[in-house]
Amino acid sequence: MSDPATLEANKRLVLDMWHEVIVRRDLAKAGDYIARDYIQHSPSAGQGLAALVDFLRQELGGDTPHAHPVERTTFEFVLAEGDLVQLMFKRPIPDPQRPGETLSVWWYDTYRVRDGLIVEHWDSAHE
């Protein structure tokens, strides 16, 4: 079990990465938060820091069909245990069954932190 100061530092690292790299789209800062040999468990993104930056550049581009309104993300929960940090938030997405309507979807992003860097990531989404 990690001490409270380490748990808080891990949460701060993940939240700072989210704000700087994802919300502000400052991809040049990704290496300040994420290890070069980063392990990605999402099938849509490749392995390693360089692949993640390429994925984020494509995914966060404002004119792409899959671009997310991340600047409006409010975290419902930020949990830390051991070397893991989990962010949980709701985000509306277009409802594929009812054009013009949205679904409220829960998103879960879990990060492993080691030696002050994010080294691994899992994500999932559920209605």
C-alpha atoms as a PDB file:
ATOM      1  CA  MET A   1       0.000   0.000   0.000  1.00  0.00           C
ATOM      2  CA  SER A   2       1.342   3.431  -0.919  1.00  0.00           C
ATOM      3  CA  ASP A   3       1.602   6.292   1.486  1.00  0.00           C
ATOM      4  CA  PRO A   4      -0.895   9.175   1.093  1.00  0.00           C
ATOM      5  CA  ALA A   5       1.751  11.562  -0.290  1.00  0.00           C
ATOM      6  CA  THR A   6       2.659   9.115  -3.085  1.00  0.00           C
ATOM      7  CA  LEU A   7      -0.998   8.506  -3.932  1.00  0.00           C
ATOM      8  CA  GLU A   8      -1.609  12.264  -4.150  1.00  0.00           C
ATOM      9  CA  ALA A   9       1.529  12.767  -6.270  1.00  0.00           C
ATOM     10  CA  ASN A  10       0.379  10.022  -8.654  1.00  0.00           C
ATOM     11  CA  LYS A  11      -3.084  11.594  -8.961  1.00  0.00           C
ATOM     12  CA  ARG A  12      -1.517  15.020  -9.569  1.00  0.00           C
ATOM     13  CA  LEU A  13       0.757  13.581 -12.289  1.00  0.00           C
ATOM     14  CA  VAL A  14      -2.192  12.025 -14.135  1.00  0.00           C
ATOM     15  CA  LEU A  15      -4.393  15.122 -13.775  1.00  0.00           C
ATOM     16  CA  ASP A  16      -1.557  17.415 -14.879  1.00  0.00           C
ATOM     17  CA  MET A  17      -0.927  15.185 -17.903  1.00  0.00           C
ATOM     18  CA  TRP A  18      -4.633  15.274 -18.766  1.00  0.00           C
ATOM     19  CA  HIS A  19      -4.753  19.058 -18.517  1.00  0.00           C
ATOM     20  CA  GLU A  20      -1.487  19.843 -20.320  1.00  0.00           C
ATOM     21  CA  VAL A  21      -1.354  17.129 -22.978  1.00  0.00           C
ATOM     22  CA  ILE A  22      -5.005  16.318 -23.647  1.00  0.00           C
ATOM     23  CA  VAL A  23      -7.007  19.454 -22.807  1.00  0.00           C
ATOM     24  CA  ARG A  24      -4.390  22.033 -23.834  1.00  0.00           C
ATOM     25  CA  ARG A  25      -3.215  19.705 -26.634  1.00  0.00           C
ATOM     26  CA  ASP A  26       0.437  20.437 -25.812  1.00  0.00           C
ATOM     27  CA  LEU A  27       1.759  17.184 -27.213  1.00  0.00           C
ATOM     28  CA  ALA A  28       5.357  18.399 -26.846  1.00  0.00           C
ATOM     29  CA  LYS A  29       4.911  17.979 -23.071  1.00  0.00           C
ATOM     30  CA  ALA A  30       3.816  14.331 -23.299  1.00  0.00           C
ATOM     31  CA  GLY A  31       7.318  13.094 -22.425  1.00  0.00           C
ATOM     32  CA  ASP A  32       7.205  15.091 -19.183  1.00  0.00           C
ATOM     33  CA  TYR A  33       4.440  12.777 -17.970  1.00  0.00           C
ATOM     34  CA  ILE A  34       4.621   9.567 -19.990  1.00  0.00           C
ATOM     35  CA  ALA A  35       7.432   7.002 -20.253  1.00  0.00           C
ATOM     36  CA  ARG A  36       9.018   6.295 -23.641  1.00  0.00           C
ATOM     37  CA  ASP A  37       8.137   2.587 -23.318  1.00  0.00           C
ATOM     38  CA  TYR A  38       4.516   3.323 -22.343  1.00  0.00           C
ATOM     39  CA  ILE A  39       2.184   0.302 -22.604  1.00  0.00           C
ATOM     40  CA  GLN A  40      -1.213   1.002 -24.169  1.00  0.00           C
ATOM     41  CA  HIS A  41      -4.052  -1.503 -23.756  1.00  0.00           C
ATOM     42  CA  SER A  42      -6.457   0.355 -26.043  1.00  0.00           C
ATOM     43  CA  PRO A  43      -6.561  -1.429 -29.411  1.00  0.00           C
ATOM     44  CA  SER A  44      -6.931   1.868 -31.280  1.00  0.00           C
ATOM     45  CA  ALA A  45      -3.564   3.297 -30.170  1.00  0.00           C
ATOM     46  CA  GLY A  46      -0.077   1.881 -30.624  1.00  0.00           C
ATOM     47  CA  GLN A  47       2.648   1.144 -28.097  1.00  0.00           C
ATOM     48  CA  GLY A  48       5.168   3.638 -26.741  1.00  0.00           C
ATOM     49  CA  LEU A  49       5.245   7.386 -26.292  1.00  0.00           C
ATOM     50  CA  ALA A  50       5.735   8.226 -29.987  1.00  0.00           C
ATOM     51  CA  ALA A  51       2.729   6.112 -31.022  1.00  0.00           C
ATOM     52  CA  LEU A  52       0.616   7.722 -28.298  1.00  0.00           C
ATOM     53  CA  VAL A  53       1.549  11.218 -29.468  1.00  0.00           C
ATOM     54  CA  ASP A  54       0.650  10.289 -33.061  1.00  0.00           C
ATOM     55  CA  PHE A  55      -2.677   8.853 -31.873  1.00  0.00           C
ATOM     56  CA  LEU A  56      -3.481  11.943 -29.783  1.00  0.00           C
ATOM     57  CA  ARG A  57      -2.554  14.261 -32.647  1.00  0.00           C
ATOM     58  CA  GLN A  58      -5.118  12.479 -34.820  1.00  0.00           C
ATOM     59  CA  GLU A  59      -7.750  11.954 -32.101  1.00  0.00           C
ATOM     60  CA  LEU A  60      -7.627  15.451 -30.612  1.00  0.00           C
ATOM     61  CA  GLY A  61      -7.594  17.310 -33.915  1.00  0.00           C
ATOM     62  CA  GLY A  62     -10.642  19.550 -33.782  1.00  0.00           C
ATOM     63  CA  ASP A  63     -11.792  18.682 -37.294  1.00  0.00           C
ATOM     64  CA  THR A  64     -11.698  14.887 -37.013  1.00  0.00           C
ATOM     65  CA  PRO A  65     -14.982  12.992 -36.672  1.00  0.00           C
ATOM     66  CA  HIS A  66     -13.807  11.322 -33.457  1.00  0.00           C
ATOM     67  CA  ALA A  67     -12.490  14.474 -31.779  1.00  0.00           C
ATOM     68  CA  HIS A  68     -13.559  14.612 -28.146  1.00  0.00           C
ATOM     69  CA  PRO A  69     -14.663  17.773 -26.300  1.00  0.00           C
ATOM     70  CA  VAL A  70     -12.105  17.061 -23.568  1.00  0.00           C
ATOM     71  CA  GLU A  71     -11.979  20.645 -22.342  1.00  0.00           C
ATOM     72  CA  ARG A  72     -15.478  20.109 -20.896  1.00  0.00           C
ATOM     73  CA  THR A  73     -14.561  16.927 -19.020  1.00  0.00           C
ATOM     74  CA  THR A  74     -15.438  16.952 -15.331  1.00  0.00           C
ATOM     75  CA  PHE A  75     -14.056  14.033 -13.380  1.00  0.00           C
ATOM     76  CA  GLU A  76     -16.649  12.380 -11.167  1.00  0.00           C
ATOM     77  CA  PHE A  77     -13.977  10.311  -9.406  1.00  0.00           C
ATOM     78  CA  VAL A  78     -10.183  10.331  -9.241  1.00  0.00           C
ATOM     79  CA  LEU A  79      -9.034   7.231  -7.373  1.00  0.00           C
ATOM     80  CA  ALA A  80      -5.543   6.045  -6.482  1.00  0.00           C
ATOM     81  CA  GLU A  81      -4.426   2.734  -5.040  1.00  0.00           C
ATOM     82  CA  GLY A  82      -0.884   1.400  -5.118  1.00  0.00           C
ATOM     83  CA  ASP A  83       0.651   2.498  -8.423  1.00  0.00           C
ATOM     84  CA  LEU A  84      -2.718   2.924 -10.207  1.00  0.00           C
ATOM     85  CA  VAL A  85      -4.797   6.056 -10.789  1.00  0.00           C
ATOM     86  CA  GLN A  86      -8.285   5.888 -12.267  1.00  0.00           C
ATOM     87  CA  LEU A  87     -10.233   8.784 -13.768  1.00  0.00           C
ATOM     88  CA  MET A  88     -13.995   8.346 -14.158  1.00  0.00           C
ATOM     89  CA  PHE A  89     -16.169  10.799 -16.036  1.00  0.00           C
ATOM     90  CA  LYS A  90     -19.361  11.025 -18.078  1.00  0.00           C
ATOM     91  CA  ARG A  91     -19.376  12.289 -21.628  1.00  0.00           C
ATOM     92  CA  PRO A  92     -22.223  12.542 -24.121  1.00  0.00           C
ATOM     93  CA  ILE A  93     -21.751  10.787 -27.454  1.00  0.00           C
ATOM     94  CA  PRO A  94     -24.006  10.685 -30.525  1.00  0.00           C
ATOM     95  CA  ASP A  95     -26.645   7.970 -30.191  1.00  0.00           C
ATOM     96  CA  PRO A  96     -26.181   5.615 -33.167  1.00  0.00           C
ATOM     97  CA  GLN A  97     -29.812   4.451 -32.887  1.00  0.00           C
ATOM     98  CA  ARG A  98     -31.406   7.925 -32.679  1.00  0.00           C
ATOM     99  CA  PRO A  99     -29.824  10.538 -34.951  1.00  0.00           C
ATOM    100  CA  GLY A 100     -29.654  13.964 -33.350  1.00  0.00           C
ATOM    101  CA  GLU A 101     -29.742  12.554 -29.809  1.00  0.00           C
ATOM    102  CA  THR A 102     -26.943  11.677 -27.418  1.00  0.00           C
ATOM    103  CA  LEU A 103     -26.131   8.954 -24.920  1.00  0.00           C
ATOM    104  CA  SER A 104     -24.506   9.657 -21.566  1.00  0.00           C
ATOM    105  CA  VAL A 105     -21.531   7.311 -21.356  1.00  0.00           C
ATOM    106  CA  TRP A 106     -19.226   6.602 -18.404  1.00  0.00           C
ATOM    107  CA  TRP A 107     -15.530   6.564 -19.324  1.00  0.00           C
ATOM    108  CA  TYR A 108     -12.850   4.888 -17.227  1.00  0.00           C
ATOM    109  CA  ASP A 109      -9.168   5.636 -17.755  1.00  0.00           C
ATOM    110  CA  THR A 110      -6.700   3.776 -15.551  1.00  0.00           C
ATOM    111  CA  TYR A 111      -3.006   4.647 -15.473  1.00  0.00           C
ATOM    112  CA  ARG A 112      -0.032   2.902 -13.868  1.00  0.00           C
ATOM    113  CA  VAL A 113       2.624   5.267 -12.488  1.00  0.00           C
ATOM    114  CA  ARG A 114       6.241   4.266 -11.929  1.00  0.00           C
ATOM    115  CA  ASP A 115       9.182   6.502 -11.022  1.00  0.00           C
ATOM    116  CA  GLY A 116       7.145   9.662 -11.585  1.00  0.00           C
ATOM    117  CA  LEU A 117       5.927   8.767 -15.093  1.00  0.00           C
ATOM    118  CA  ILE A 118       2.826   7.144 -16.548  1.00  0.00           C
ATOM    119  CA  VAL A 119       3.923   3.737 -17.827  1.00  0.00           C
ATOM    120  CA  GLU A 120       0.652   1.987 -18.699  1.00  0.00           C
ATOM    121  CA  HIS A 121      -2.965   2.797 -19.608  1.00  0.00           C
ATOM    122  CA  TRP A 122      -6.313   0.998 -19.883  1.00  0.00           C
ATOM    123  CA  ASP A 123      -9.644   2.521 -20.889  1.00  0.00           C
ATOM    124  CA  SER A 124     -13.248   1.515 -21.314  1.00  0.00           C
ATOM    125  CA  ALA A 125     -16.640   3.149 -21.733  1.00  0.00           C
ATOM    126  CA  HIS A 126     -20.129   2.020 -20.726  1.00  0.00           C
ATOM    127  CA  GLU A 127     -23.649   3.441 -20.837  1.00  0.00           C
END
